[in-house]
Amino acid sequence: MVAPIGFGSASAAYAVETKPGQRQDIALSDGTRIELNGASRLVLDRNNPRVATLQAGEATFHVRHDPRDPFTVRSGTMTVQDLGTVFNVERDGARFDVQVAEGSVLFQPRQQAVTLRSGAAVSAREDLGSVTVMKIDAAKVGSWRNGVVAFGGEPFGRVITSVRRIDGVILSIEPSLSQQPFTGMVRFTGEAARDVPHIAALVGAEWHHDGERWTISPK
């Protein structure tokens, strides 16, 4: 869904929103391409195609590099500036993640100014003021586009967020499971009837389905 935003005459801002389970490809006038995951909201500007604001969800950017006019992605207080690259960004509450597949980006160019090259990632928490830089498999960046998501010691609730975005399922999980660390690669089929039982089995939990809503809880 595309909706205009009234930011004044100097801006022709508009929002692109996807529902859970829905994806959208966006082609900008500067040659940049964006793949937007489900349950996401991205704000763009027709007068300035070199700036994007991710308010929620996840997107993979294929940027046409211009050293005279770097492409910028904003999210909350965080900023990522393109140095010629393909990269993935995700906003999940107070958490903001950046993963680089090709080239490099500059994270917080006016503050920490951390350069992330292919195979590097950063996970930042605005509520905690923490920034963690790590190595990743560049080939797996943006793998949600193929229904595969890798997790490394992350709260199991992050897996639940992914299945909601990809499958569009109404799914709840008990808090004790949500904070349980999880490491592994999860392949999503796009069908809740297959994915939810599989995900529950990964942590030895049980699942319930009332015809509309799914629930995962400890056994």
Protein backbone atom coordinates (compact mmCIF):
# COMPACT_ATOMS: atom_id res chain seq x y z
CA MET A 1 0.00 0.00 0.00
CA VAL A 2 1.27 3.48 -0.89
CA ALA A 3 0.02 6.52 1.01
CA PRO A 4 1.01 10.21 0.68
CA ILE A 5 2.35 12.06 3.74
CA GLY A 6 1.91 15.79 4.23
CA PHE A 7 5.39 17.07 5.08
CA GLY A 8 5.12 20.40 3.26
CA SER A 9 5.92 21.71 -0.19
CA ALA A 10 9.63 20.83 -0.03
CA SER A 11 8.76 17.17 0.34
CA ALA A 12 6.69 14.69 -1.63
CA ALA A 13 6.91 12.03 1.06
CA TYR A 14 4.91 8.84 0.81
CA ALA A 15 4.77 5.63 2.80
CA VAL A 16 4.92 2.10 1.44
CA GLU A 17 3.36 -0.42 3.81
CA THR A 18 3.07 -4.17 3.58
CA LYS A 19 0.72 -6.39 5.52
CA PRO A 20 2.03 -9.50 7.32
CA GLY A 21 2.70 -12.13 4.67
CA GLN A 22 2.94 -9.54 1.89
CA ARG A 23 6.07 -8.38 0.08
CA GLN A 24 6.70 -5.50 -2.28
CA ASP A 25 9.46 -4.54 -4.70
CA ILE A 26 10.13 -0.83 -5.08
CA ALA A 27 12.06 0.73 -7.96
CA LEU A 28 13.28 4.27 -7.29
CA SER A 29 13.95 6.87 -9.97
CA ASP A 30 17.69 6.86 -9.19
CA GLY A 31 18.01 3.18 -10.12
CA THR A 32 17.95 1.85 -6.55
CA ARG A 33 15.77 -1.20 -5.86
CA ILE A 34 14.21 -2.08 -2.50
CA GLU A 35 12.66 -5.39 -1.47
CA LEU A 36 10.25 -4.86 1.42
CA ASN A 37 9.35 -7.73 3.75
CA GLY A 38 5.91 -8.26 5.29
CA ALA A 39 4.61 -6.13 8.18
CA SER A 40 6.91 -3.27 7.18
CA ARG A 41 6.59 0.49 6.70
CA LEU A 42 9.01 2.53 4.62
CA VAL A 43 8.81 6.28 3.99
CA LEU A 44 10.22 7.64 0.72
CA ASP A 45 10.31 11.04 -0.99
CA ARG A 46 9.63 11.57 -4.68
CA ASN A 47 11.65 14.80 -4.57
CA ASN A 48 14.65 13.06 -3.00
CA PRO A 49 15.00 9.39 -3.99
CA ARG A 50 18.33 9.15 -2.10
CA VAL A 51 16.70 9.01 1.35
CA ALA A 52 14.52 6.29 2.89
CA THR A 53 13.14 5.91 6.41
CA LEU A 54 12.37 2.45 7.75
CA GLN A 55 9.79 2.87 10.49
CA ALA A 56 9.06 -0.81 11.02
CA GLY A 57 9.91 -4.19 9.57
CA GLU A 58 12.65 -5.21 7.15
CA ALA A 59 14.02 -4.35 3.73
CA THR A 60 16.89 -5.27 1.43
CA PHE A 61 18.44 -2.37 -0.52
CA HIS A 62 20.20 -2.69 -3.87
CA VAL A 63 21.67 0.80 -4.15
CA ARG A 64 22.90 2.57 -7.25
CA HIS A 65 26.02 4.18 -5.83
CA ASP A 66 26.71 7.88 -6.36
CA PRO A 67 29.73 9.19 -4.38
CA ARG A 68 28.46 12.75 -4.82
CA ASP A 69 25.08 11.90 -3.31
CA PRO A 70 25.20 8.91 -0.93
CA PHE A 71 22.00 6.95 -0.38
CA THR A 72 20.82 7.25 3.25
CA VAL A 73 18.56 4.98 5.28
CA ARG A 74 17.17 6.34 8.54
CA SER A 75 15.37 4.51 11.32
CA GLY A 76 14.61 6.22 14.61
CA THR A 77 17.86 7.86 15.71
CA MET A 78 19.95 5.52 13.51
CA THR A 79 21.40 6.31 10.09
CA VAL A 80 23.09 4.14 7.47
CA GLN A 81 24.88 5.68 4.49
CA ASP A 82 25.68 3.75 1.33
CA LEU A 83 29.26 3.42 0.16
CA GLY A 84 28.27 1.23 -2.82
CA THR A 85 26.45 -1.86 -1.69
CA VAL A 86 23.63 -4.35 -1.17
CA PHE A 87 22.49 -4.42 2.44
CA ASN A 88 19.60 -5.47 4.68
CA VAL A 89 18.06 -3.37 7.45
CA GLU A 90 15.56 -4.37 10.09
CA ARG A 91 13.61 -2.40 12.70
CA ASP A 92 12.11 -4.46 15.52
CA GLY A 93 10.94 -2.22 18.36
CA ALA A 94 14.01 -0.49 19.84
CA ARG A 95 16.35 -2.79 17.92
CA PHE A 96 17.91 -1.84 14.58
CA ASP A 97 20.02 -4.30 12.56
CA VAL A 98 22.15 -3.76 9.47
CA GLN A 99 23.78 -6.57 7.46
CA VAL A 100 26.01 -6.02 4.43
CA ALA A 101 26.02 -8.43 1.48
CA GLU A 102 28.10 -6.44 -1.02
CA GLY A 103 30.25 -3.34 -0.84
CA SER A 104 30.08 -1.32 2.38
CA VAL A 105 27.97 1.10 4.40
CA LEU A 106 28.70 3.75 7.01
CA PHE A 107 26.72 3.32 10.23
CA GLN A 108 25.95 6.54 12.16
CA PRO A 109 28.11 8.70 9.84
CA ARG A 110 27.85 11.75 12.14
CA GLN A 111 28.51 9.85 15.36
CA GLN A 112 30.35 6.50 15.64
CA ALA A 113 31.01 6.44 11.86
CA VAL A 114 31.45 2.66 11.78
CA THR A 115 32.29 1.24 8.34
CA LEU A 116 30.66 -2.13 7.67
CA ARG A 117 31.97 -4.12 4.73
CA SER A 118 30.63 -7.26 3.08
CA GLY A 119 30.13 -9.95 5.72
CA ALA A 120 29.75 -7.48 8.61
CA ALA A 121 26.68 -6.55 10.63
CA VAL A 122 25.67 -4.22 13.42
CA SER A 123 22.90 -4.63 15.98
CA ALA A 124 21.94 -1.45 17.86
CA ARG A 125 19.51 -0.93 20.73
CA GLU A 126 18.18 2.60 21.10
CA ASP A 127 16.71 1.85 24.54
CA LEU A 128 20.02 0.51 25.90
CA GLY A 129 22.37 2.73 23.91
CA SER A 130 24.31 -0.36 22.81
CA VAL A 131 25.96 -1.09 19.45
CA THR A 132 27.36 -4.53 18.62
CA VAL A 133 29.42 -5.21 15.48
CA MET A 134 29.79 -8.82 14.31
CA LYS A 135 30.79 -11.01 11.39
CA ILE A 136 28.15 -12.84 9.34
CA ASP A 137 27.83 -14.95 6.21
CA ALA A 138 27.40 -12.38 3.43
CA ALA A 139 25.63 -14.96 1.27
CA LYS A 140 22.81 -15.16 3.83
CA VAL A 141 22.09 -11.44 4.00
CA GLY A 142 18.46 -10.80 3.05
CA SER A 143 17.82 -14.55 2.87
CA TRP A 144 14.27 -13.91 4.10
CA ARG A 145 13.56 -13.26 0.41
CA ASN A 146 14.04 -17.01 -0.12
CA GLY A 147 12.17 -17.98 3.03
CA VAL A 148 15.33 -18.73 5.05
CA VAL A 149 16.39 -16.82 8.18
CA ALA A 150 19.48 -17.50 10.31
CA PHE A 151 19.64 -16.75 14.03
CA GLY A 152 22.67 -16.71 16.29
CA GLY A 153 21.96 -16.80 20.02
CA GLU A 154 19.00 -14.44 19.64
CA PRO A 155 15.77 -14.39 21.65
CA PHE A 156 13.31 -16.91 20.26
CA GLY A 157 10.84 -14.06 19.94
CA ARG A 158 12.85 -12.93 16.92
CA VAL A 159 11.92 -16.19 15.18
CA ILE A 160 8.28 -15.45 15.93
CA THR A 161 8.63 -11.98 14.42
CA SER A 162 9.99 -13.54 11.23
CA VAL A 163 7.17 -16.05 10.85
CA ARG A 164 4.60 -13.30 11.37
CA ARG A 165 6.18 -11.19 8.64
CA ILE A 166 6.67 -14.01 6.16
CA ASP A 167 3.54 -16.10 6.75
CA GLY A 168 1.17 -13.32 7.81
CA VAL A 169 0.03 -15.53 10.68
CA ILE A 170 -1.65 -14.40 13.91
CA LEU A 171 0.74 -15.98 16.39
CA SER A 172 1.36 -15.44 20.09
CA ILE A 173 4.06 -16.90 22.33
CA GLU A 174 4.46 -17.05 26.10
CA PRO A 175 7.08 -14.60 27.46
CA SER A 176 9.23 -17.36 28.97
CA LEU A 177 9.79 -18.79 25.49
CA SER A 178 10.18 -15.41 23.83
CA GLN A 179 13.42 -14.66 25.71
CA GLN A 180 14.92 -18.13 25.30
CA PRO A 181 18.16 -17.95 23.23
CA PHE A 182 17.98 -19.63 19.84
CA THR A 183 20.65 -20.48 17.29
CA GLY A 184 19.89 -22.08 13.95
CA MET A 185 18.57 -21.63 10.45
CA VAL A 186 14.83 -21.70 9.90
CA ARG A 187 13.24 -22.34 6.52
CA PHE A 188 9.77 -20.89 6.10
CA THR A 189 7.34 -22.36 3.59
CA GLY A 190 4.85 -19.49 3.76
CA GLU A 191 2.22 -21.89 5.15
CA ALA A 192 1.44 -21.46 8.84
CA ALA A 193 0.13 -25.02 9.14
CA ARG A 194 3.64 -26.27 8.33
CA ASP A 195 5.78 -23.51 9.79
CA VAL A 196 4.27 -23.03 13.25
CA PRO A 197 4.51 -26.72 14.33
CA HIS A 198 8.07 -26.84 12.98
CA ILE A 199 9.09 -23.73 14.90
CA ALA A 200 7.49 -25.00 18.12
CA ALA A 201 9.42 -28.27 17.79
CA LEU A 202 12.71 -26.37 17.54
CA VAL A 203 12.44 -25.38 21.21
CA GLY A 204 10.49 -28.40 22.46
CA ALA A 205 7.28 -26.41 22.82
CA GLU A 206 3.69 -27.21 21.96
CA TRP A 207 1.35 -25.35 19.66
CA HIS A 208 -2.37 -24.72 19.46
CA HIS A 209 -4.63 -23.48 16.69
CA ASP A 210 -8.22 -22.30 17.25
CA GLY A 211 -9.00 -21.90 13.57
CA GLU A 212 -7.69 -18.35 13.34
CA ARG A 213 -5.00 -17.77 15.95
CA TRP A 214 -1.89 -19.81 16.72
CA THR A 215 -0.22 -20.10 20.11
CA ILE A 216 3.16 -21.54 21.10
CA SER A 217 3.66 -22.42 24.75
CA PRO A 218 5.98 -24.58 26.91
CA LYS A 219 5.04 -28.22 27.31
